Amino acid sequence: MTVTVRTGEALPPLRIPITRTLIVSGALASRDYQDVHHDAEAAREKGSPDIFMNILTTNGLVGRYITDHFGPRSRLRKVAIRLGAPNYPGDEMVLTGEVTSVADGTAEVAVLGKNAIGRHVTGTVTVELPTGSPPGQGSPSDPGSPPEPGSPPGQGSPPGQGSPPGQGSPPGQGSPSEPGSPPGPGSPAGDAR
């Protein structure tokens, strides 16, 4: 399925409630342990009225905004953002975007995220647009390729992302070529259970 995109196309807005949970969990998920992202008292001591969102959480939300619009088979190629007004708990950020160029299977999107104070984030995202066959009917190098042996139905692995070393196949489906796989039924080690 090929996505049709035109220069000047506006993306629908995405409204994101800014909660304490979002701010703290985003900071923890990105391993940003600075106290201004989880300790309101420490944030106030440093001159902020409250905790505030870190740049990595904002970057992730911008990426989500783009991939939600262009679909799960799109690929972020470049995300360049600049922060402005902080995102504090109890506010709402509204992300908007406009396609500024389309060429060679990619689109460039200007993104803006506003909150009650002003512009929280401005930036540009380059996204590789999905092309080719529908999921489940692609080539082995295509993320829409059929599932790899041992993966659940409808769950193909992205290129180069098979089972991590030592994790192998599900129990009872071992293979001598997969280190870490448990022995399968009928294998010598499997009979010795």
C-alpha atoms as a PDB file:
ATOM      1  CA  MET A   1       0.000   0.000   0.000  1.00  0.00           C
ATOM      2  CA  THR A   2       1.495   3.325  -1.065  1.00  0.00           C
ATOM      3  CA  VAL A   3       0.713   6.463   0.931  1.00  0.00           C
ATOM      4  CA  THR A   4      -0.106   9.563  -1.110  1.00  0.00           C
ATOM      5  CA  VAL A   5       1.249  12.770   0.425  1.00  0.00           C
ATOM      6  CA  ARG A   6       1.204  16.289  -0.979  1.00  0.00           C
ATOM      7  CA  THR A   7       3.217  19.371  -0.114  1.00  0.00           C
ATOM      8  CA  GLY A   8       1.052  21.722   1.934  1.00  0.00           C
ATOM      9  CA  GLU A   9      -1.007  18.884   3.425  1.00  0.00           C
ATOM     10  CA  ALA A  10      -1.954  19.624   7.041  1.00  0.00           C
ATOM     11  CA  LEU A  11      -1.851  16.813   9.577  1.00  0.00           C
ATOM     12  CA  PRO A  12      -4.790  16.644  11.987  1.00  0.00           C
ATOM     13  CA  PRO A  13      -3.995  18.052  15.439  1.00  0.00           C
ATOM     14  CA  LEU A  14      -3.099  15.726  18.304  1.00  0.00           C
ATOM     15  CA  ARG A  15      -4.137  16.864  21.796  1.00  0.00           C
ATOM     16  CA  ILE A  16      -1.993  15.484  24.608  1.00  0.00           C
ATOM     17  CA  PRO A  17      -2.942  16.069  28.255  1.00  0.00           C
ATOM     18  CA  ILE A  18       0.220  16.875  30.232  1.00  0.00           C
ATOM     19  CA  THR A  19      -0.032  14.869  33.438  1.00  0.00           C
ATOM     20  CA  ARG A  20       2.465  14.289  36.246  1.00  0.00           C
ATOM     21  CA  THR A  21       2.448  10.626  35.271  1.00  0.00           C
ATOM     22  CA  LEU A  22       3.384  11.426  31.655  1.00  0.00           C
ATOM     23  CA  ILE A  23       6.187  13.771  32.735  1.00  0.00           C
ATOM     24  CA  VAL A  24       7.675  11.404  35.330  1.00  0.00           C
ATOM     25  CA  SER A  25       7.272   8.198  33.292  1.00  0.00           C
ATOM     26  CA  GLY A  26       8.740   9.860  30.200  1.00  0.00           C
ATOM     27  CA  ALA A  27      11.770  11.020  32.179  1.00  0.00           C
ATOM     28  CA  LEU A  28      12.259   7.579  33.726  1.00  0.00           C
ATOM     29  CA  ALA A  29      11.795   5.764  30.403  1.00  0.00           C
ATOM     30  CA  SER A  30      14.484   7.951  28.853  1.00  0.00           C
ATOM     31  CA  ARG A  31      16.760   7.551  31.902  1.00  0.00           C
ATOM     32  CA  ASP A  32      16.667  11.252  32.664  1.00  0.00           C
ATOM     33  CA  TYR A  33      16.853  11.304  36.454  1.00  0.00           C
ATOM     34  CA  GLN A  34      17.185  15.075  36.858  1.00  0.00           C
ATOM     35  CA  ASP A  35      15.045  16.056  39.828  1.00  0.00           C
ATOM     36  CA  VAL A  36      13.234  18.847  37.926  1.00  0.00           C
ATOM     37  CA  HIS A  37      11.335  16.116  36.032  1.00  0.00           C
ATOM     38  CA  HIS A  38       9.986  14.271  39.091  1.00  0.00           C
ATOM     39  CA  ASP A  39      10.433  16.327  42.293  1.00  0.00           C
ATOM     40  CA  ALA A  40       8.190  19.418  42.464  1.00  0.00           C
ATOM     41  CA  GLU A  41       9.975  20.824  45.531  1.00  0.00           C
ATOM     42  CA  ALA A  42      13.396  20.532  43.889  1.00  0.00           C
ATOM     43  CA  ALA A  43      12.004  22.074  40.684  1.00  0.00           C
ATOM     44  CA  ARG A  44      10.681  25.063  42.699  1.00  0.00           C
ATOM     45  CA  GLU A  45      14.051  25.449  44.457  1.00  0.00           C
ATOM     46  CA  LYS A  46      15.610  25.759  40.985  1.00  0.00           C
ATOM     47  CA  GLY A  47      13.139  28.461  39.890  1.00  0.00           C
ATOM     48  CA  SER A  48      10.462  26.419  38.110  1.00  0.00           C
ATOM     49  CA  PRO A  49       6.830  26.547  39.308  1.00  0.00           C
ATOM     50  CA  ASP A  50       6.568  22.734  39.021  1.00  0.00           C
ATOM     51  CA  ILE A  51       8.140  19.685  37.392  1.00  0.00           C
ATOM     52  CA  PHE A  52       8.355  19.869  33.598  1.00  0.00           C
ATOM     53  CA  MET A  53       8.640  17.542  30.611  1.00  0.00           C
ATOM     54  CA  ASN A  54      12.099  16.606  29.331  1.00  0.00           C
ATOM     55  CA  ILE A  55      13.180  16.919  25.696  1.00  0.00           C
ATOM     56  CA  LEU A  56      13.348  13.157  25.145  1.00  0.00           C
ATOM     57  CA  THR A  57       9.668  12.750  26.026  1.00  0.00           C
ATOM     58  CA  THR A  58       8.797  15.611  23.689  1.00  0.00           C
ATOM     59  CA  ASN A  59      10.916  13.998  20.958  1.00  0.00           C
ATOM     60  CA  GLY A  60       9.036  10.717  21.430  1.00  0.00           C
ATOM     61  CA  LEU A  61       5.655  12.438  21.272  1.00  0.00           C
ATOM     62  CA  VAL A  62       6.649  14.217  18.045  1.00  0.00           C
ATOM     63  CA  GLY A  63       7.727  10.859  16.577  1.00  0.00           C
ATOM     64  CA  ARG A  64       4.436   9.272  17.664  1.00  0.00           C
ATOM     65  CA  TYR A  65       2.502  12.112  16.050  1.00  0.00           C
ATOM     66  CA  ILE A  66       4.214  11.496  12.710  1.00  0.00           C
ATOM     67  CA  THR A  67       4.008   7.689  12.728  1.00  0.00           C
ATOM     68  CA  ASP A  68       0.373   7.757  13.896  1.00  0.00           C
ATOM     69  CA  HIS A  69      -0.397   9.843  10.807  1.00  0.00           C
ATOM     70  CA  PHE A  70       1.730   8.019   8.206  1.00  0.00           C
ATOM     71  CA  GLY A  71       1.230   4.520   9.610  1.00  0.00           C
ATOM     72  CA  PRO A  72       3.290   1.842  11.355  1.00  0.00           C
ATOM     73  CA  ARG A  73       5.335   1.046   8.228  1.00  0.00           C
ATOM     74  CA  SER A  74       6.646   4.615   7.959  1.00  0.00           C
ATOM     75  CA  ARG A  75      10.189   5.218   9.227  1.00  0.00           C
ATOM     76  CA  LEU A  76      11.490   8.308  10.981  1.00  0.00           C
ATOM     77  CA  ARG A  77      14.700   9.349   9.234  1.00  0.00           C
ATOM     78  CA  LYS A  78      15.417  12.633  11.021  1.00  0.00           C
ATOM     79  CA  VAL A  79      13.831  14.481  13.917  1.00  0.00           C
ATOM     80  CA  ALA A  80      15.150  17.993  14.618  1.00  0.00           C
ATOM     81  CA  ILE A  81      13.318  19.836  17.398  1.00  0.00           C
ATOM     82  CA  ARG A  82      13.775  22.910  19.573  1.00  0.00           C
ATOM     83  CA  LEU A  83      12.074  23.428  22.914  1.00  0.00           C
ATOM     84  CA  GLY A  84      10.424  26.654  24.004  1.00  0.00           C
ATOM     85  CA  ALA A  85       7.777  27.063  26.723  1.00  0.00           C
ATOM     86  CA  PRO A  86       7.906  24.207  29.263  1.00  0.00           C
ATOM     87  CA  ASN A  87       5.167  21.573  29.508  1.00  0.00           C
ATOM     88  CA  TYR A  88       3.863  21.611  33.108  1.00  0.00           C
ATOM     89  CA  PRO A  89       1.354  19.209  34.687  1.00  0.00           C
ATOM     90  CA  GLY A  90      -2.279  20.161  34.151  1.00  0.00           C
ATOM     91  CA  ASP A  91      -1.655  21.743  30.741  1.00  0.00           C
ATOM     92  CA  GLU A  92      -2.378  20.351  27.280  1.00  0.00           C
ATOM     93  CA  MET A  93      -0.043  20.277  24.304  1.00  0.00           C
ATOM     94  CA  VAL A  94      -1.549  20.392  20.816  1.00  0.00           C
ATOM     95  CA  LEU A  95       0.695  19.090  18.054  1.00  0.00           C
ATOM     96  CA  THR A  96       0.089  20.241  14.487  1.00  0.00           C
ATOM     97  CA  GLY A  97       2.053  19.620  11.327  1.00  0.00           C
ATOM     98  CA  GLU A  98       2.314  20.509   7.674  1.00  0.00           C
ATOM     99  CA  VAL A  99       4.078  18.632   4.883  1.00  0.00           C
ATOM    100  CA  THR A 100       6.714  21.019   3.509  1.00  0.00           C
ATOM    101  CA  SER A 101       8.214  18.772   0.823  1.00  0.00           C
ATOM    102  CA  VAL A 102       7.879  15.334  -0.746  1.00  0.00           C
ATOM    103  CA  ALA A 103      10.693  13.677  -2.715  1.00  0.00           C
ATOM    104  CA  ASP A 104      12.220  10.242  -3.288  1.00  0.00           C
ATOM    105  CA  GLY A 105       9.822   8.363  -1.021  1.00  0.00           C
ATOM    106  CA  THR A 106      10.210  10.749   1.907  1.00  0.00           C
ATOM    107  CA  ALA A 107       8.234  13.647   3.290  1.00  0.00           C
ATOM    108  CA  GLU A 108       9.445  16.545   5.390  1.00  0.00           C
ATOM    109  CA  VAL A 109       6.959  17.768   7.982  1.00  0.00           C
ATOM    110  CA  ALA A 110       7.116  21.018   9.961  1.00  0.00           C
ATOM    111  CA  VAL A 111       5.813  20.291  13.469  1.00  0.00           C
ATOM    112  CA  LEU A 112       4.570  22.706  16.128  1.00  0.00           C
ATOM    113  CA  GLY A 113       3.469  21.865  19.668  1.00  0.00           C
ATOM    114  CA  LYS A 114       1.685  24.580  21.659  1.00  0.00           C
ATOM    115  CA  ASN A 115       0.554  24.702  25.273  1.00  0.00           C
ATOM    116  CA  ALA A 116      -1.164  27.437  27.339  1.00  0.00           C
ATOM    117  CA  ILE A 117       2.134  29.333  27.729  1.00  0.00           C
ATOM    118  CA  GLY A 118       3.129  29.292  24.060  1.00  0.00           C
ATOM    119  CA  ARG A 119       5.241  27.190  21.689  1.00  0.00           C
ATOM    120  CA  HIS A 120       6.594  24.155  23.514  1.00  0.00           C
ATOM    121  CA  VAL A 121       8.260  22.526  20.509  1.00  0.00           C
ATOM    122  CA  THR A 122       9.048  23.475  16.917  1.00  0.00           C
ATOM    123  CA  GLY A 123      10.851  21.277  14.474  1.00  0.00           C
ATOM    124  CA  THR A 124      11.127  19.327  11.295  1.00  0.00           C
ATOM    125  CA  VAL A 125      10.718  15.586  10.788  1.00  0.00           C
ATOM    126  CA  THR A 126      11.826  13.623   7.746  1.00  0.00           C
ATOM    127  CA  VAL A 127       9.802  10.441   7.338  1.00  0.00           C
ATOM    128  CA  GLU A 128      10.253   7.596   4.862  1.00  0.00           C
ATOM    129  CA  LEU A 129       6.839   6.822   3.441  1.00  0.00           C
ATOM    130  CA  PRO A 130       5.538   3.247   3.315  1.00  0.00           C
ATOM    131  CA  THR A 131       5.433   1.680  -0.144  1.00  0.00           C
ATOM    132  CA  GLY A 132       5.010  -1.739  -1.675  1.00  0.00           C
ATOM    133  CA  SER A 133       2.812  -4.640  -0.714  1.00  0.00           C
ATOM    134  CA  PRO A 134       0.430  -4.858   2.246  1.00  0.00           C
ATOM    135  CA  PRO A 135       1.779  -6.268   5.543  1.00  0.00           C
ATOM    136  CA  GLY A 136       2.325 -10.020   5.447  1.00  0.00           C
ATOM    137  CA  GLN A 137       3.012 -10.112   1.690  1.00  0.00           C
ATOM    138  CA  GLY A 138       6.418  -8.471   1.357  1.00  0.00           C
ATOM    139  CA  SER A 139       9.909  -9.729   0.698  1.00  0.00           C
ATOM    140  CA  PRO A 140      12.199 -11.057   3.472  1.00  0.00           C
ATOM    141  CA  SER A 141      13.866  -7.631   3.745  1.00  0.00           C
ATOM    142  CA  ASP A 142      10.493  -5.883   3.998  1.00  0.00           C
ATOM    143  CA  PRO A 143       9.044  -5.196   7.475  1.00  0.00           C
ATOM    144  CA  GLY A 144       5.739  -6.478   6.082  1.00  0.00           C
ATOM    145  CA  SER A 145       7.273  -9.883   5.371  1.00  0.00           C
ATOM    146  CA  PRO A 146       5.739 -13.143   6.560  1.00  0.00           C
ATOM    147  CA  PRO A 147       6.461 -14.184  10.162  1.00  0.00           C
ATOM    148  CA  GLU A 148       9.762 -15.857  10.891  1.00  0.00           C
ATOM    149  CA  PRO A 149       9.599 -19.464  12.123  1.00  0.00           C
ATOM    150  CA  GLY A 150       8.709 -19.584  15.797  1.00  0.00           C
ATOM    151  CA  SER A 151       7.032 -16.148  15.910  1.00  0.00           C
ATOM    152  CA  PRO A 152       3.312 -15.802  16.691  1.00  0.00           C
ATOM    153  CA  PRO A 153       0.935 -15.597  13.703  1.00  0.00           C
ATOM    154  CA  GLY A 154       0.828 -12.107  12.200  1.00  0.00           C
ATOM    155  CA  GLN A 155       4.048 -11.085  13.967  1.00  0.00           C
ATOM    156  CA  GLY A 156       6.893 -10.886  11.417  1.00  0.00           C
ATOM    157  CA  SER A 157      10.235  -9.636  12.672  1.00  0.00           C
ATOM    158  CA  PRO A 158      11.651  -6.379  11.337  1.00  0.00           C
ATOM    159  CA  PRO A 159      14.850  -6.832   9.301  1.00  0.00           C
ATOM    160  CA  GLY A 160      17.799  -7.908  11.422  1.00  0.00           C
ATOM    161  CA  GLN A 161      15.671  -8.311  14.542  1.00  0.00           C
ATOM    162  CA  GLY A 162      15.137 -12.037  15.019  1.00  0.00           C
ATOM    163  CA  SER A 163      15.389 -13.677  18.440  1.00  0.00           C
ATOM    164  CA  PRO A 164      18.084 -12.114  20.624  1.00  0.00           C
ATOM    165  CA  PRO A 165      21.072 -14.402  21.351  1.00  0.00           C
ATOM    166  CA  GLY A 166      20.269 -16.961  24.007  1.00  0.00           C
ATOM    167  CA  GLN A 167      16.501 -16.586  23.712  1.00  0.00           C
ATOM    168  CA  GLY A 168      15.843 -19.098  20.940  1.00  0.00           C
ATOM    169  CA  SER A 169      12.501 -20.612  19.994  1.00  0.00           C
ATOM    170  CA  PRO A 170       9.430 -21.241  22.140  1.00  0.00           C
ATOM    171  CA  PRO A 171       9.594 -24.447  24.234  1.00  0.00           C
ATOM    172  CA  GLY A 172       9.262 -27.575  22.155  1.00  0.00           C
ATOM    173  CA  GLN A 173      10.406 -25.876  18.944  1.00  0.00           C
ATOM    174  CA  GLY A 174      14.166 -25.931  19.371  1.00  0.00           C
ATOM    175  CA  SER A 175      16.616 -26.125  16.528  1.00  0.00           C
ATOM    176  CA  PRO A 176      20.311 -27.007  16.514  1.00  0.00           C
ATOM    177  CA  SER A 177      20.907 -23.796  14.538  1.00  0.00           C
ATOM    178  CA  GLU A 178      19.407 -21.619  17.291  1.00  0.00           C
ATOM    179  CA  PRO A 179      21.707 -21.393  20.310  1.00  0.00           C
ATOM    180  CA  GLY A 180      19.799 -21.193  23.533  1.00  0.00           C
ATOM    181  CA  SER A 181      16.758 -23.029  22.141  1.00  0.00           C
ATOM    182  CA  PRO A 182      15.299 -25.664  24.423  1.00  0.00           C
ATOM    183  CA  PRO A 183      15.476 -29.169  22.997  1.00  0.00           C
ATOM    184  CA  GLY A 184      12.511 -30.183  20.919  1.00  0.00           C
ATOM    185  CA  PRO A 185      10.444 -33.347  21.211  1.00  0.00           C
ATOM    186  CA  GLY A 186      12.308 -36.354  19.880  1.00  0.00           C
ATOM    187  CA  SER A 187      15.762 -34.822  20.299  1.00  0.00           C
ATOM    188  CA  PRO A 188      18.227 -36.759  22.429  1.00  0.00           C
ATOM    189  CA  ALA A 189      18.186 -34.136  25.179  1.00  0.00           C
ATOM    190  CA  GLY A 190      14.412 -33.906  24.912  1.00  0.00           C
ATOM    191  CA  ASP A 191      13.997 -37.628  25.649  1.00  0.00           C
ATOM    192  CA  ALA A 192      16.115 -37.395  28.784  1.00  0.00           C
ATOM    193  CA  ARG A 193      13.638 -35.227  30.636  1.00  0.00           C
END
